[in-house]
Amino acid sequence: MNNPQNAGSPLDSSWPAGAPAGAASSAGRDYPDGRIPVGQVFEKLPLTVEHLKSCLALFFVFVIEAWEMMIIVYTSPLIAKDFNLDAMAVGNLIGAIFVGMAIGSVVWGPIFDRIGRKKTIISSLLLYGLVSILSVMAPSYGTLYALRLLAGIVAAGMLVVTFPYFEELLPVRARGPFTVYLAAGWPIGMLLALGATVWLMPMGWRAVIGFSSLAAAWALVVAWAVPESPYWLAGVGRQEEARAVILRLSRGATVISPQRSLHVPEVKHGVWRDLLSGGVLPVTLLQIAINFAFAWGYWGLQTWLPTLLQQRGLSLPQSYSFIAISALCMIPGYMSASYLTGKLGRKKVMITYVALSAIAGYAFANVQTMSALYASNFALAFFSLGAWGVWDTWVGELYSTHLRTVGYSWAVLAQRLANIAAPSVVGLLVAQGSSFNMTTTFINLFLVVTVVMALFVPETEGKDLA
């Protein structure tokens, strides 16, 4: 699709006279009335510093999302001591934010296609900061649970929109690798959450949660650095603004004549039923099932990793160090997946990495020495998070513009349902005295199911966003 020999070549006559080299060619693919598919424009849109600014700003939005989801996990021992909670209560508290996100993925549905990608992220960040500050003052477990649930509802806005938004700003050739890089914000967020917990632990969990609330200020950076999606702008009929964003992203290299209109399927409100109709239905059901299984396989282990590691003889500080090193191992996993997805496509990399994650997970459940425990978990971190980076990219590419964020919201809903169930089920196993081996093997089975289902997802590498 992206022939290097064509990049920067003179444009054919189907484009406005005098349009600069490097603009997307639509030869033979324009609509009869002269409309230009936005996806065609992004085929040859040059990658510029404007993209990098937007990418960096949205990268840290995802860092914040990861930080906020993990902060309650790392502070849970402190909260349990403060409120005298048992294992089941801790599991339910960890799951509260995911209950909220499951609700929020539905609540935000009518909002993000009405107000746009950018305003959704900004609103979600600011609201989350407010609710998180209120959590600091929670006088009881019940109040804290309610506030964490509310935090999940408001945070779902940025969680649902970040990846589709990111993909809608990038040239086709850069979309896969860069979106996998975006997913690498997860271990960065984990490390920041862990660092904040260790640093502020002497001051108690309230100080940790209060400090993490300051991340809401990043909304100012998003407002300054990131333009609105030209796909969304064209879809709601704001043609002049869509042209201006393309001009900005290309640093003046791609000019769309006012006589030509940018086209995407109309962005409609309340299109949930469209996900379950016609040829879209199989893709929707499949991606929901994969999101549930994959999220269970990952989150079921991560939420209880400190406790499970203590079963193997590590102290709580040692388990934190173990988790930090594991997070570092995720980063090269993302980098390798980013490189390979552009070479081999989404499907081959996803299936291979999840399969290797399952093998590493089986080893993690059965090894007998501490060195083997470290090695197998680091392999699990490397391959599972590399796979997540590819999958987060892949899901957003399965739908056209008018369904992309709604489809992704269903993906988030499935993940959050798994996030809700997994901590509680694993907590029940731990409370009943289930062995380390039995618990981790049970969790690992979900990765095997993920591999099988991924075989049936259509490849999207190198294809335009519709």
Protein backbone atom coordinates (compact mmCIF):
# COMPACT_ATOMS: atom_id res chain seq x y z
CA MET A 1 0.00 0.00 0.00
CA ASN A 2 2.66 2.50 1.00
CA ASN A 3 5.07 2.21 -1.94
CA PRO A 4 8.21 4.20 -1.06
CA GLN A 5 8.63 5.10 -4.72
CA ASN A 6 5.37 7.02 -4.64
CA ALA A 7 6.07 8.97 -1.46
CA GLY A 8 6.53 12.63 -2.24
CA SER A 9 5.74 12.12 -5.93
CA PRO A 10 3.78 14.71 -7.93
CA LEU A 11 0.04 14.40 -7.54
CA ASP A 12 -2.28 13.24 -10.25
CA SER A 13 -4.88 15.48 -11.80
CA SER A 14 -7.68 14.22 -9.58
CA TRP A 15 -6.33 16.44 -6.81
CA PRO A 16 -6.55 20.24 -6.80
CA ALA A 17 -4.04 21.92 -9.04
CA GLY A 18 -1.02 23.15 -7.17
CA ALA A 19 -1.42 20.76 -4.23
CA PRO A 20 2.01 20.10 -2.74
CA ALA A 21 4.04 16.95 -3.16
CA GLY A 22 3.55 14.54 -0.31
CA ALA A 23 -0.22 15.01 -0.15
CA ALA A 24 -2.26 11.84 -0.30
CA SER A 25 -3.12 10.64 -3.76
CA SER A 26 -6.66 9.48 -4.36
CA ALA A 27 -6.24 8.34 -7.96
CA GLY A 28 -9.09 6.09 -8.93
CA ARG A 29 -10.53 6.09 -5.43
CA ASP A 30 -12.33 9.43 -5.15
CA TYR A 31 -16.10 9.40 -4.96
CA PRO A 32 -17.85 10.51 -8.18
CA ASP A 33 -18.83 13.82 -6.62
CA GLY A 34 -15.22 14.62 -5.75
CA ARG A 35 -15.30 13.70 -2.09
CA ILE A 36 -11.97 12.50 -0.67
CA PRO A 37 -11.89 9.66 1.90
CA VAL A 38 -9.95 10.89 4.93
CA GLY A 39 -8.21 7.53 5.15
CA GLN A 40 -6.72 8.12 1.67
CA VAL A 41 -5.31 11.45 2.78
CA PHE A 42 -3.54 9.71 5.65
CA GLU A 43 -1.88 7.18 3.33
CA LYS A 44 0.90 9.62 2.41
CA LEU A 45 0.52 12.28 5.06
CA PRO A 46 4.07 13.08 6.23
CA LEU A 47 5.02 12.30 9.81
CA THR A 48 5.90 15.60 11.48
CA VAL A 49 6.73 17.14 14.83
CA GLU A 50 3.00 17.86 15.25
CA HIS A 51 2.35 14.13 15.31
CA LEU A 52 5.11 13.66 17.86
CA LYS A 53 3.64 16.36 20.13
CA SER A 54 0.22 14.75 19.96
CA CYS A 55 1.70 11.30 20.49
CA LEU A 56 3.62 12.38 23.57
CA ALA A 57 0.59 14.08 25.10
CA LEU A 58 -1.67 11.06 24.54
CA PHE A 59 1.10 8.68 25.63
CA PHE A 60 1.04 10.28 29.06
CA VAL A 61 -2.75 10.12 29.16
CA PHE A 62 -2.36 6.35 28.94
CA VAL A 63 0.43 6.49 31.54
CA ILE A 64 -2.03 8.25 33.84
CA GLU A 65 -4.72 5.65 33.13
CA ALA A 66 -2.32 2.85 34.08
CA TRP A 67 -1.12 4.74 37.15
CA GLU A 68 -4.64 5.30 38.40
CA MET A 69 -5.71 1.69 37.84
CA MET A 70 -2.67 0.30 39.65
CA ILE A 71 -2.42 2.77 42.53
CA ILE A 72 -5.22 1.06 44.46
CA VAL A 73 -3.52 -2.32 43.97
CA TYR A 74 -0.24 -1.11 45.45
CA THR A 75 -1.87 0.79 48.31
CA SER A 76 -4.32 -2.02 49.14
CA PRO A 77 -2.16 -3.48 51.95
CA LEU A 78 -2.15 -0.04 53.62
CA ILE A 79 -5.90 0.40 53.12
CA ALA A 80 -6.58 -3.12 54.42
CA LYS A 81 -4.64 -2.36 57.59
CA ASP A 82 -6.37 1.01 58.07
CA PHE A 83 -9.92 -0.37 57.63
CA ASN A 84 -9.21 -3.92 58.91
CA LEU A 85 -10.23 -5.63 55.65
CA ASP A 86 -10.07 -9.30 54.73
CA ALA A 87 -8.92 -10.68 51.35
CA MET A 88 -12.40 -10.62 49.81
CA ALA A 89 -12.98 -7.00 50.80
CA VAL A 90 -9.61 -6.01 49.30
CA GLY A 91 -10.46 -7.82 46.06
CA ASN A 92 -13.80 -6.04 45.87
CA LEU A 93 -12.14 -2.66 46.49
CA ILE A 94 -9.59 -3.30 43.74
CA GLY A 95 -12.45 -4.23 41.44
CA ALA A 96 -14.50 -1.09 42.28
CA ILE A 97 -12.78 1.13 39.71
CA PHE A 98 -13.42 -1.51 37.06
CA VAL A 99 -17.11 -1.73 37.97
CA GLY A 100 -17.16 2.03 37.43
CA MET A 101 -15.30 1.77 34.14
CA ALA A 102 -17.75 -0.87 32.92
CA ILE A 103 -20.60 1.52 33.69
CA GLY A 104 -18.63 4.47 32.32
CA SER A 105 -17.96 2.81 28.99
CA VAL A 106 -21.74 2.85 28.47
CA VAL A 107 -22.30 6.30 30.02
CA TRP A 108 -19.66 7.97 27.84
CA GLY A 109 -20.99 6.30 24.67
CA PRO A 110 -23.44 9.07 23.70
CA ILE A 111 -20.94 11.72 24.79
CA PHE A 112 -17.69 11.15 22.92
CA ASP A 113 -19.29 11.14 19.46
CA ARG A 114 -21.23 14.28 20.36
CA ILE A 115 -18.47 16.45 21.89
CA GLY A 116 -15.45 14.93 20.14
CA ARG A 117 -12.35 12.95 21.12
CA LYS A 118 -10.41 15.87 22.58
CA LYS A 119 -13.10 17.28 24.86
CA THR A 120 -13.87 13.76 26.11
CA ILE A 121 -10.29 13.19 27.30
CA ILE A 122 -10.03 16.63 28.88
CA SER A 123 -13.37 16.28 30.69
CA SER A 124 -12.53 12.77 31.87
CA LEU A 125 -9.12 13.81 33.24
CA LEU A 126 -10.51 16.77 35.17
CA LEU A 127 -13.45 14.83 36.62
CA TYR A 128 -11.18 11.96 37.66
CA GLY A 129 -8.87 14.36 39.50
CA LEU A 130 -11.82 15.78 41.43
CA VAL A 131 -13.19 12.37 42.47
CA SER A 132 -9.72 11.13 43.37
CA ILE A 133 -9.20 14.07 45.73
CA LEU A 134 -12.51 13.24 47.40
CA SER A 135 -11.26 9.66 47.90
CA VAL A 136 -8.48 10.98 50.12
CA MET A 137 -11.11 12.11 52.64
CA ALA A 138 -13.08 8.83 52.69
CA PRO A 139 -13.94 8.04 56.33
CA SER A 140 -14.87 4.39 55.79
CA TYR A 141 -14.46 1.41 53.49
CA GLY A 142 -17.97 1.88 52.07
CA THR A 143 -17.33 5.51 51.18
CA LEU A 144 -13.98 4.68 49.62
CA TYR A 145 -15.55 1.88 47.57
CA ALA A 146 -18.27 4.24 46.27
CA LEU A 147 -15.73 6.91 45.34
CA ARG A 148 -13.47 4.41 43.56
CA LEU A 149 -16.51 3.20 41.62
CA LEU A 150 -17.34 6.81 40.67
CA ALA A 151 -13.69 7.37 39.74
CA GLY A 152 -13.97 4.48 37.31
CA ILE A 153 -17.08 5.97 35.70
CA VAL A 154 -15.43 9.32 35.00
CA ALA A 155 -12.04 7.81 34.03
CA ALA A 156 -13.68 5.58 31.40
CA GLY A 157 -13.93 8.56 29.08
CA MET A 158 -10.19 8.81 28.50
CA LEU A 159 -9.75 5.04 28.57
CA VAL A 160 -12.24 4.44 25.76
CA VAL A 161 -11.11 7.29 23.51
CA THR A 162 -7.29 7.40 23.82
CA PHE A 163 -6.38 4.60 21.40
CA PRO A 164 -8.94 5.36 18.65
CA TYR A 165 -8.07 9.08 18.92
CA PHE A 166 -4.36 8.33 18.66
CA GLU A 167 -4.86 6.17 15.56
CA GLU A 168 -6.96 8.86 13.88
CA LEU A 169 -4.07 11.35 14.02
CA LEU A 170 -1.36 9.15 12.46
CA PRO A 171 -0.31 8.37 8.87
CA VAL A 172 -1.17 4.81 7.83
CA ARG A 173 2.45 3.63 7.73
CA ALA A 174 3.13 4.87 11.28
CA ARG A 175 -0.17 3.84 12.86
CA GLY A 176 0.77 0.30 13.93
CA PRO A 177 4.23 0.88 15.42
CA PHE A 178 3.29 4.17 17.08
CA THR A 179 0.10 2.81 18.65
CA VAL A 180 2.06 -0.08 20.14
CA TYR A 181 4.46 2.53 21.56
CA LEU A 182 1.41 4.23 23.12
CA ALA A 183 0.58 0.96 24.88
CA ALA A 184 4.07 1.06 26.42
CA GLY A 185 2.66 3.74 28.71
CA TRP A 186 1.23 0.91 30.83
CA PRO A 187 4.53 -0.17 32.48
CA ILE A 188 5.56 3.47 32.85
CA GLY A 189 2.31 4.12 34.72
CA MET A 190 2.87 1.00 36.82
CA LEU A 191 6.36 2.14 37.76
CA LEU A 192 5.18 5.64 38.65
CA ALA A 193 2.36 4.24 40.77
CA LEU A 194 4.76 1.88 42.50
CA GLY A 195 7.33 4.62 43.01
CA ALA A 196 4.72 6.98 44.47
CA THR A 197 3.51 4.23 46.81
CA VAL A 198 7.00 3.41 48.09
CA TRP A 199 7.94 7.09 48.37
CA LEU A 200 4.80 8.18 50.22
CA MET A 201 4.11 4.95 52.12
CA PRO A 202 5.29 6.41 55.46
CA MET A 203 2.59 9.08 55.10
CA GLY A 204 -0.18 6.54 54.45
CA TRP A 205 -2.40 5.63 51.53
CA ARG A 206 -4.26 8.93 51.60
CA ALA A 207 -1.10 10.80 50.68
CA VAL A 208 -0.47 8.40 47.80
CA ILE A 209 -3.98 8.81 46.37
CA GLY A 210 -3.84 12.58 46.87
CA PHE A 211 -0.56 12.85 45.01
CA SER A 212 -1.86 10.78 42.11
CA SER A 213 -4.83 13.16 41.77
CA LEU A 214 -2.45 15.85 40.49
CA ALA A 215 -2.27 13.99 37.17
CA ALA A 216 -5.53 15.72 36.22
CA ALA A 217 -3.46 18.80 35.38
CA TRP A 218 -2.29 16.96 32.26
CA ALA A 219 -5.60 18.02 30.69
CA LEU A 220 -3.94 21.40 30.05
CA VAL A 221 -1.24 19.72 27.95
CA VAL A 222 -3.82 17.82 25.91
CA ALA A 223 -5.73 21.06 25.29
CA TRP A 224 -2.57 22.72 23.97
CA ALA A 225 -0.79 19.94 22.08
CA VAL A 226 -3.44 17.70 20.51
CA PRO A 227 -5.80 18.70 17.68
CA GLU A 228 -9.23 17.18 17.28
CA SER A 229 -9.50 14.09 15.08
CA PRO A 230 -10.03 15.04 11.43
CA TYR A 231 -12.02 11.81 11.00
CA TRP A 232 -14.49 12.95 13.65
CA LEU A 233 -14.58 16.52 12.34
CA ALA A 234 -15.33 15.34 8.80
CA GLY A 235 -17.92 12.90 10.15
CA VAL A 236 -19.89 15.67 11.85
CA GLY A 237 -19.62 18.02 8.87
CA ARG A 238 -16.96 20.40 10.22
CA GLN A 239 -15.03 20.40 6.95
CA GLU A 240 -13.03 23.59 7.41
CA GLU A 241 -11.72 22.45 10.80
CA ALA A 242 -10.85 19.00 9.41
CA ARG A 243 -8.80 20.62 6.61
CA ALA A 244 -7.07 22.85 9.15
CA VAL A 245 -6.09 19.86 11.32
CA ILE A 246 -4.63 18.02 8.30
CA LEU A 247 -2.70 21.16 7.38
CA ARG A 248 -1.41 21.44 10.95
CA LEU A 249 -0.44 17.77 11.25
CA SER A 250 1.44 17.89 7.93
CA ARG A 251 3.11 21.23 8.78
CA GLY A 252 1.65 22.72 5.62
CA ALA A 253 2.65 19.86 3.32
CA THR A 254 -0.88 18.58 2.65
CA VAL A 255 -3.50 21.07 1.49
CA ILE A 256 -7.09 20.09 0.82
CA SER A 257 -8.88 22.46 -1.53
CA PRO A 258 -12.10 24.01 -0.19
CA GLN A 259 -13.74 22.68 -3.35
CA ARG A 260 -13.12 19.11 -2.20
CA SER A 261 -14.89 17.61 0.82
CA LEU A 262 -13.36 15.10 3.20
CA HIS A 263 -15.45 11.99 3.62
CA VAL A 264 -15.95 9.40 6.36
CA PRO A 265 -19.15 7.53 7.28
CA GLU A 266 -21.39 9.99 9.09
CA VAL A 267 -20.78 10.10 12.84
CA LYS A 268 -24.18 9.26 14.28
CA HIS A 269 -25.38 9.20 17.85
CA GLY A 270 -26.75 6.05 19.47
CA VAL A 271 -25.22 3.53 17.04
CA TRP A 272 -24.79 0.69 19.52
CA ARG A 273 -27.18 -1.52 17.55
CA ASP A 274 -25.00 -1.12 14.43
CA LEU A 275 -22.28 -3.14 16.16
CA LEU A 276 -24.64 -6.11 16.19
CA SER A 277 -25.84 -5.97 12.62
CA GLY A 278 -24.68 -7.42 9.32
CA GLY A 279 -21.01 -8.22 8.79
CA VAL A 280 -19.98 -6.24 11.87
CA LEU A 281 -21.61 -8.69 14.29
CA PRO A 282 -18.99 -11.50 14.09
CA VAL A 283 -16.13 -9.04 14.61
CA THR A 284 -17.91 -7.44 17.57
CA LEU A 285 -18.64 -10.74 19.31
CA LEU A 286 -15.11 -12.00 18.68
CA GLN A 287 -13.32 -8.91 19.95
CA ILE A 288 -15.53 -8.80 23.06
CA ALA A 289 -14.70 -12.43 23.85
CA ILE A 290 -10.97 -11.87 23.29
CA ASN A 291 -10.94 -8.75 25.44
CA PHE A 292 -12.64 -10.61 28.28
CA ALA A 293 -10.34 -13.65 28.15
CA PHE A 294 -7.13 -11.70 27.64
CA ALA A 295 -7.95 -9.20 30.40
CA TRP A 296 -8.77 -12.01 32.82
CA GLY A 297 -5.54 -13.82 32.04
CA TYR A 298 -3.50 -10.67 32.63
CA TRP A 299 -5.38 -8.92 35.42
CA GLY A 300 -6.16 -12.01 37.45
CA LEU A 301 -2.44 -12.43 38.02
CA GLN A 302 -1.41 -8.78 38.39
CA THR A 303 -3.94 -7.81 41.06
CA TRP A 304 -2.83 -10.58 43.39
CA LEU A 305 0.83 -10.78 42.41
CA PRO A 306 2.12 -9.27 45.71
CA THR A 307 0.09 -11.81 47.71
CA LEU A 308 0.99 -14.73 45.46
CA LEU A 309 4.67 -13.83 45.66
CA GLN A 310 4.48 -13.73 49.45
CA GLN A 311 3.21 -17.32 49.24
CA ARG A 312 6.53 -18.10 47.57
CA GLY A 313 8.50 -16.51 50.39
CA LEU A 314 9.01 -12.91 49.24
CA SER A 315 8.34 -10.08 51.68
CA LEU A 316 6.05 -7.21 50.64
CA PRO A 317 9.02 -4.88 49.83
CA GLN A 318 10.64 -7.72 47.86
CA SER A 319 7.43 -8.29 45.93
CA TYR A 320 7.33 -4.59 45.03
CA SER A 321 10.87 -4.87 43.67
CA PHE A 322 9.84 -7.98 41.73
CA ILE A 323 6.92 -6.10 40.17
CA ALA A 324 9.13 -3.12 39.29
CA ILE A 325 11.62 -5.32 37.45
CA SER A 326 8.75 -7.06 35.68
CA ALA A 327 7.43 -3.68 34.51
CA LEU A 328 10.83 -2.86 33.05
CA CYS A 329 10.72 -6.13 31.11
CA MET A 330 7.44 -5.03 29.55
CA ILE A 331 9.07 -2.11 27.76
CA PRO A 332 11.28 -4.17 25.38
CA GLY A 333 8.23 -6.39 24.85
CA TYR A 334 6.35 -3.38 23.49
CA MET A 335 9.33 -2.23 21.43
CA SER A 336 9.77 -5.63 19.78
CA ALA A 337 6.04 -5.94 19.09
CA SER A 338 5.99 -2.42 17.62
CA TYR A 339 8.76 -3.34 15.18
CA LEU A 340 7.34 -6.73 14.24
CA THR A 341 3.74 -5.63 13.71
CA GLY A 342 4.84 -3.37 10.86
CA LYS A 343 6.77 -6.27 9.32
CA LEU A 344 4.51 -9.26 9.95
CA GLY A 345 1.08 -7.78 10.62
CA ARG A 346 -1.15 -7.73 13.71
CA LYS A 347 -2.33 -11.34 13.66
CA LYS A 348 1.02 -13.17 13.54
CA VAL A 349 2.57 -11.04 16.29
CA MET A 350 -0.51 -11.18 18.54
CA ILE A 351 -0.92 -14.94 18.29
CA THR A 352 2.79 -15.65 18.76
CA TYR A 353 3.18 -13.34 21.74
CA VAL A 354 0.05 -14.57 23.55
CA ALA A 355 1.09 -18.20 22.95
CA LEU A 356 4.54 -17.49 24.39
CA SER A 357 2.85 -15.71 27.31
CA ALA A 358 0.84 -18.87 28.02
CA ILE A 359 4.02 -20.97 27.98
CA ALA A 360 5.75 -18.50 30.30
CA GLY A 361 2.69 -18.46 32.55
CA TYR A 362 2.70 -22.25 32.80
CA ALA A 363 6.39 -22.14 33.72
CA PHE A 364 5.68 -19.42 36.30
CA ALA A 365 3.06 -21.65 37.92
CA ASN A 366 5.31 -24.69 38.12
CA VAL A 367 8.94 -23.61 38.64
CA GLN A 368 10.63 -24.59 41.89
CA THR A 369 13.52 -22.14 42.24
CA MET A 370 13.47 -18.41 42.86
CA SER A 371 15.68 -17.68 39.83
CA ALA A 372 13.32 -19.64 37.57
CA LEU A 373 10.37 -17.76 39.12
CA TYR A 374 11.98 -14.46 38.16
CA ALA A 375 12.91 -15.61 34.64
CA SER A 376 9.47 -17.03 33.82
CA ASN A 377 7.64 -13.98 35.12
CA PHE A 378 9.88 -11.65 33.15
CA ALA A 379 9.15 -13.67 29.98
CA LEU A 380 5.44 -13.46 30.84
CA ALA A 381 5.70 -9.68 31.23
CA PHE A 382 7.66 -9.30 27.97
CA PHE A 383 5.29 -11.28 25.77
CA SER A 384 1.93 -10.52 27.38
CA LEU A 385 2.37 -6.75 27.30
CA GLY A 386 3.82 -6.82 23.80
CA ALA A 387 0.65 -8.65 22.79
CA TRP A 388 -1.51 -6.06 24.57
CA GLY A 389 0.15 -3.31 22.56
CA VAL A 390 -0.70 -5.05 19.30
CA TRP A 391 -4.23 -5.88 20.43
CA ASP A 392 -5.04 -2.32 21.53
CA THR A 393 -3.95 -1.19 18.07
CA TRP A 394 -5.87 -3.93 16.28
CA VAL A 395 -9.23 -3.33 17.99
CA GLY A 396 -9.40 0.32 16.93
CA GLU A 397 -8.77 -0.65 13.30
CA LEU A 398 -11.64 -3.16 13.08
CA TYR A 399 -14.35 -0.49 12.77
CA SER A 400 -15.14 2.51 10.58
CA THR A 401 -15.11 6.02 12.08
CA HIS A 402 -18.75 6.13 13.12
CA LEU A 403 -18.31 2.84 15.05
CA ARG A 404 -14.68 3.07 16.15
CA THR A 405 -15.03 4.62 19.60
CA VAL A 406 -18.30 2.79 20.27
CA GLY A 407 -16.67 -0.50 19.29
CA TYR A 408 -13.70 0.30 21.47
CA SER A 409 -16.02 1.11 24.35
CA TRP A 410 -17.41 -2.43 24.11
CA ALA A 411 -13.84 -3.71 24.18
CA VAL A 412 -13.23 -1.71 27.35
CA LEU A 413 -16.52 -2.96 28.81
CA ALA A 414 -15.42 -6.59 28.25
CA GLN A 415 -12.00 -5.88 29.78
CA ARG A 416 -13.55 -4.21 32.80
CA LEU A 417 -15.99 -7.07 33.35
CA ALA A 418 -12.99 -9.40 33.46
CA ASN A 419 -11.20 -6.93 35.75
CA ILE A 420 -14.20 -6.98 38.08
CA ALA A 421 -14.55 -10.73 38.18
CA ALA A 422 -10.88 -11.78 38.22
CA PRO A 423 -9.76 -10.05 41.47
CA SER A 424 -12.78 -11.37 43.35
CA VAL A 425 -12.51 -14.93 42.01
CA VAL A 426 -8.76 -15.06 42.62
CA GLY A 427 -9.32 -13.50 46.05
CA LEU A 428 -11.79 -16.28 46.81
CA LEU A 429 -9.22 -18.90 45.74
CA VAL A 430 -6.57 -17.27 47.93
CA ALA A 431 -8.96 -17.00 50.89
CA GLN A 432 -9.80 -20.71 50.57
CA GLY A 433 -6.14 -21.66 50.61
CA SER A 434 -5.66 -22.48 46.94
CA SER A 435 -2.03 -23.26 46.12
CA PHE A 436 0.17 -20.92 44.12
CA ASN A 437 0.37 -23.51 41.34
CA MET A 438 -3.38 -24.11 41.10
CA THR A 439 -4.25 -20.41 41.19
CA THR A 440 -1.77 -19.32 38.52
CA THR A 441 -2.56 -22.29 36.25
CA PHE A 442 -6.26 -21.40 36.38
CA ILE A 443 -5.48 -17.80 35.42
CA ASN A 444 -3.18 -18.94 32.61
CA LEU A 445 -5.93 -20.95 30.87
CA PHE A 446 -7.50 -17.69 29.74
CA LEU A 447 -4.39 -16.88 27.68
CA VAL A 448 -4.75 -20.18 25.84
CA VAL A 449 -8.35 -19.34 24.94
CA THR A 450 -7.20 -15.92 23.69
CA VAL A 451 -4.74 -17.53 21.25
CA VAL A 452 -7.44 -19.71 19.70
CA MET A 453 -9.91 -16.85 19.21
CA ALA A 454 -7.30 -14.47 17.74
CA LEU A 455 -6.93 -16.85 14.78
CA PHE A 456 -10.30 -15.66 13.48
CA VAL A 457 -9.76 -11.85 13.66
CA PRO A 458 -9.21 -10.17 10.24
CA GLU A 459 -5.78 -8.65 9.56
CA THR A 460 -5.69 -4.82 9.37
CA GLU A 461 -1.99 -4.00 8.90
CA GLY A 462 -1.49 -1.34 6.20
CA LYS A 463 -5.20 -0.76 5.61
CA ASP A 464 -6.82 2.68 5.65
CA LEU A 465 -9.13 3.71 8.45
CA ALA A 466 -12.59 4.08 6.96
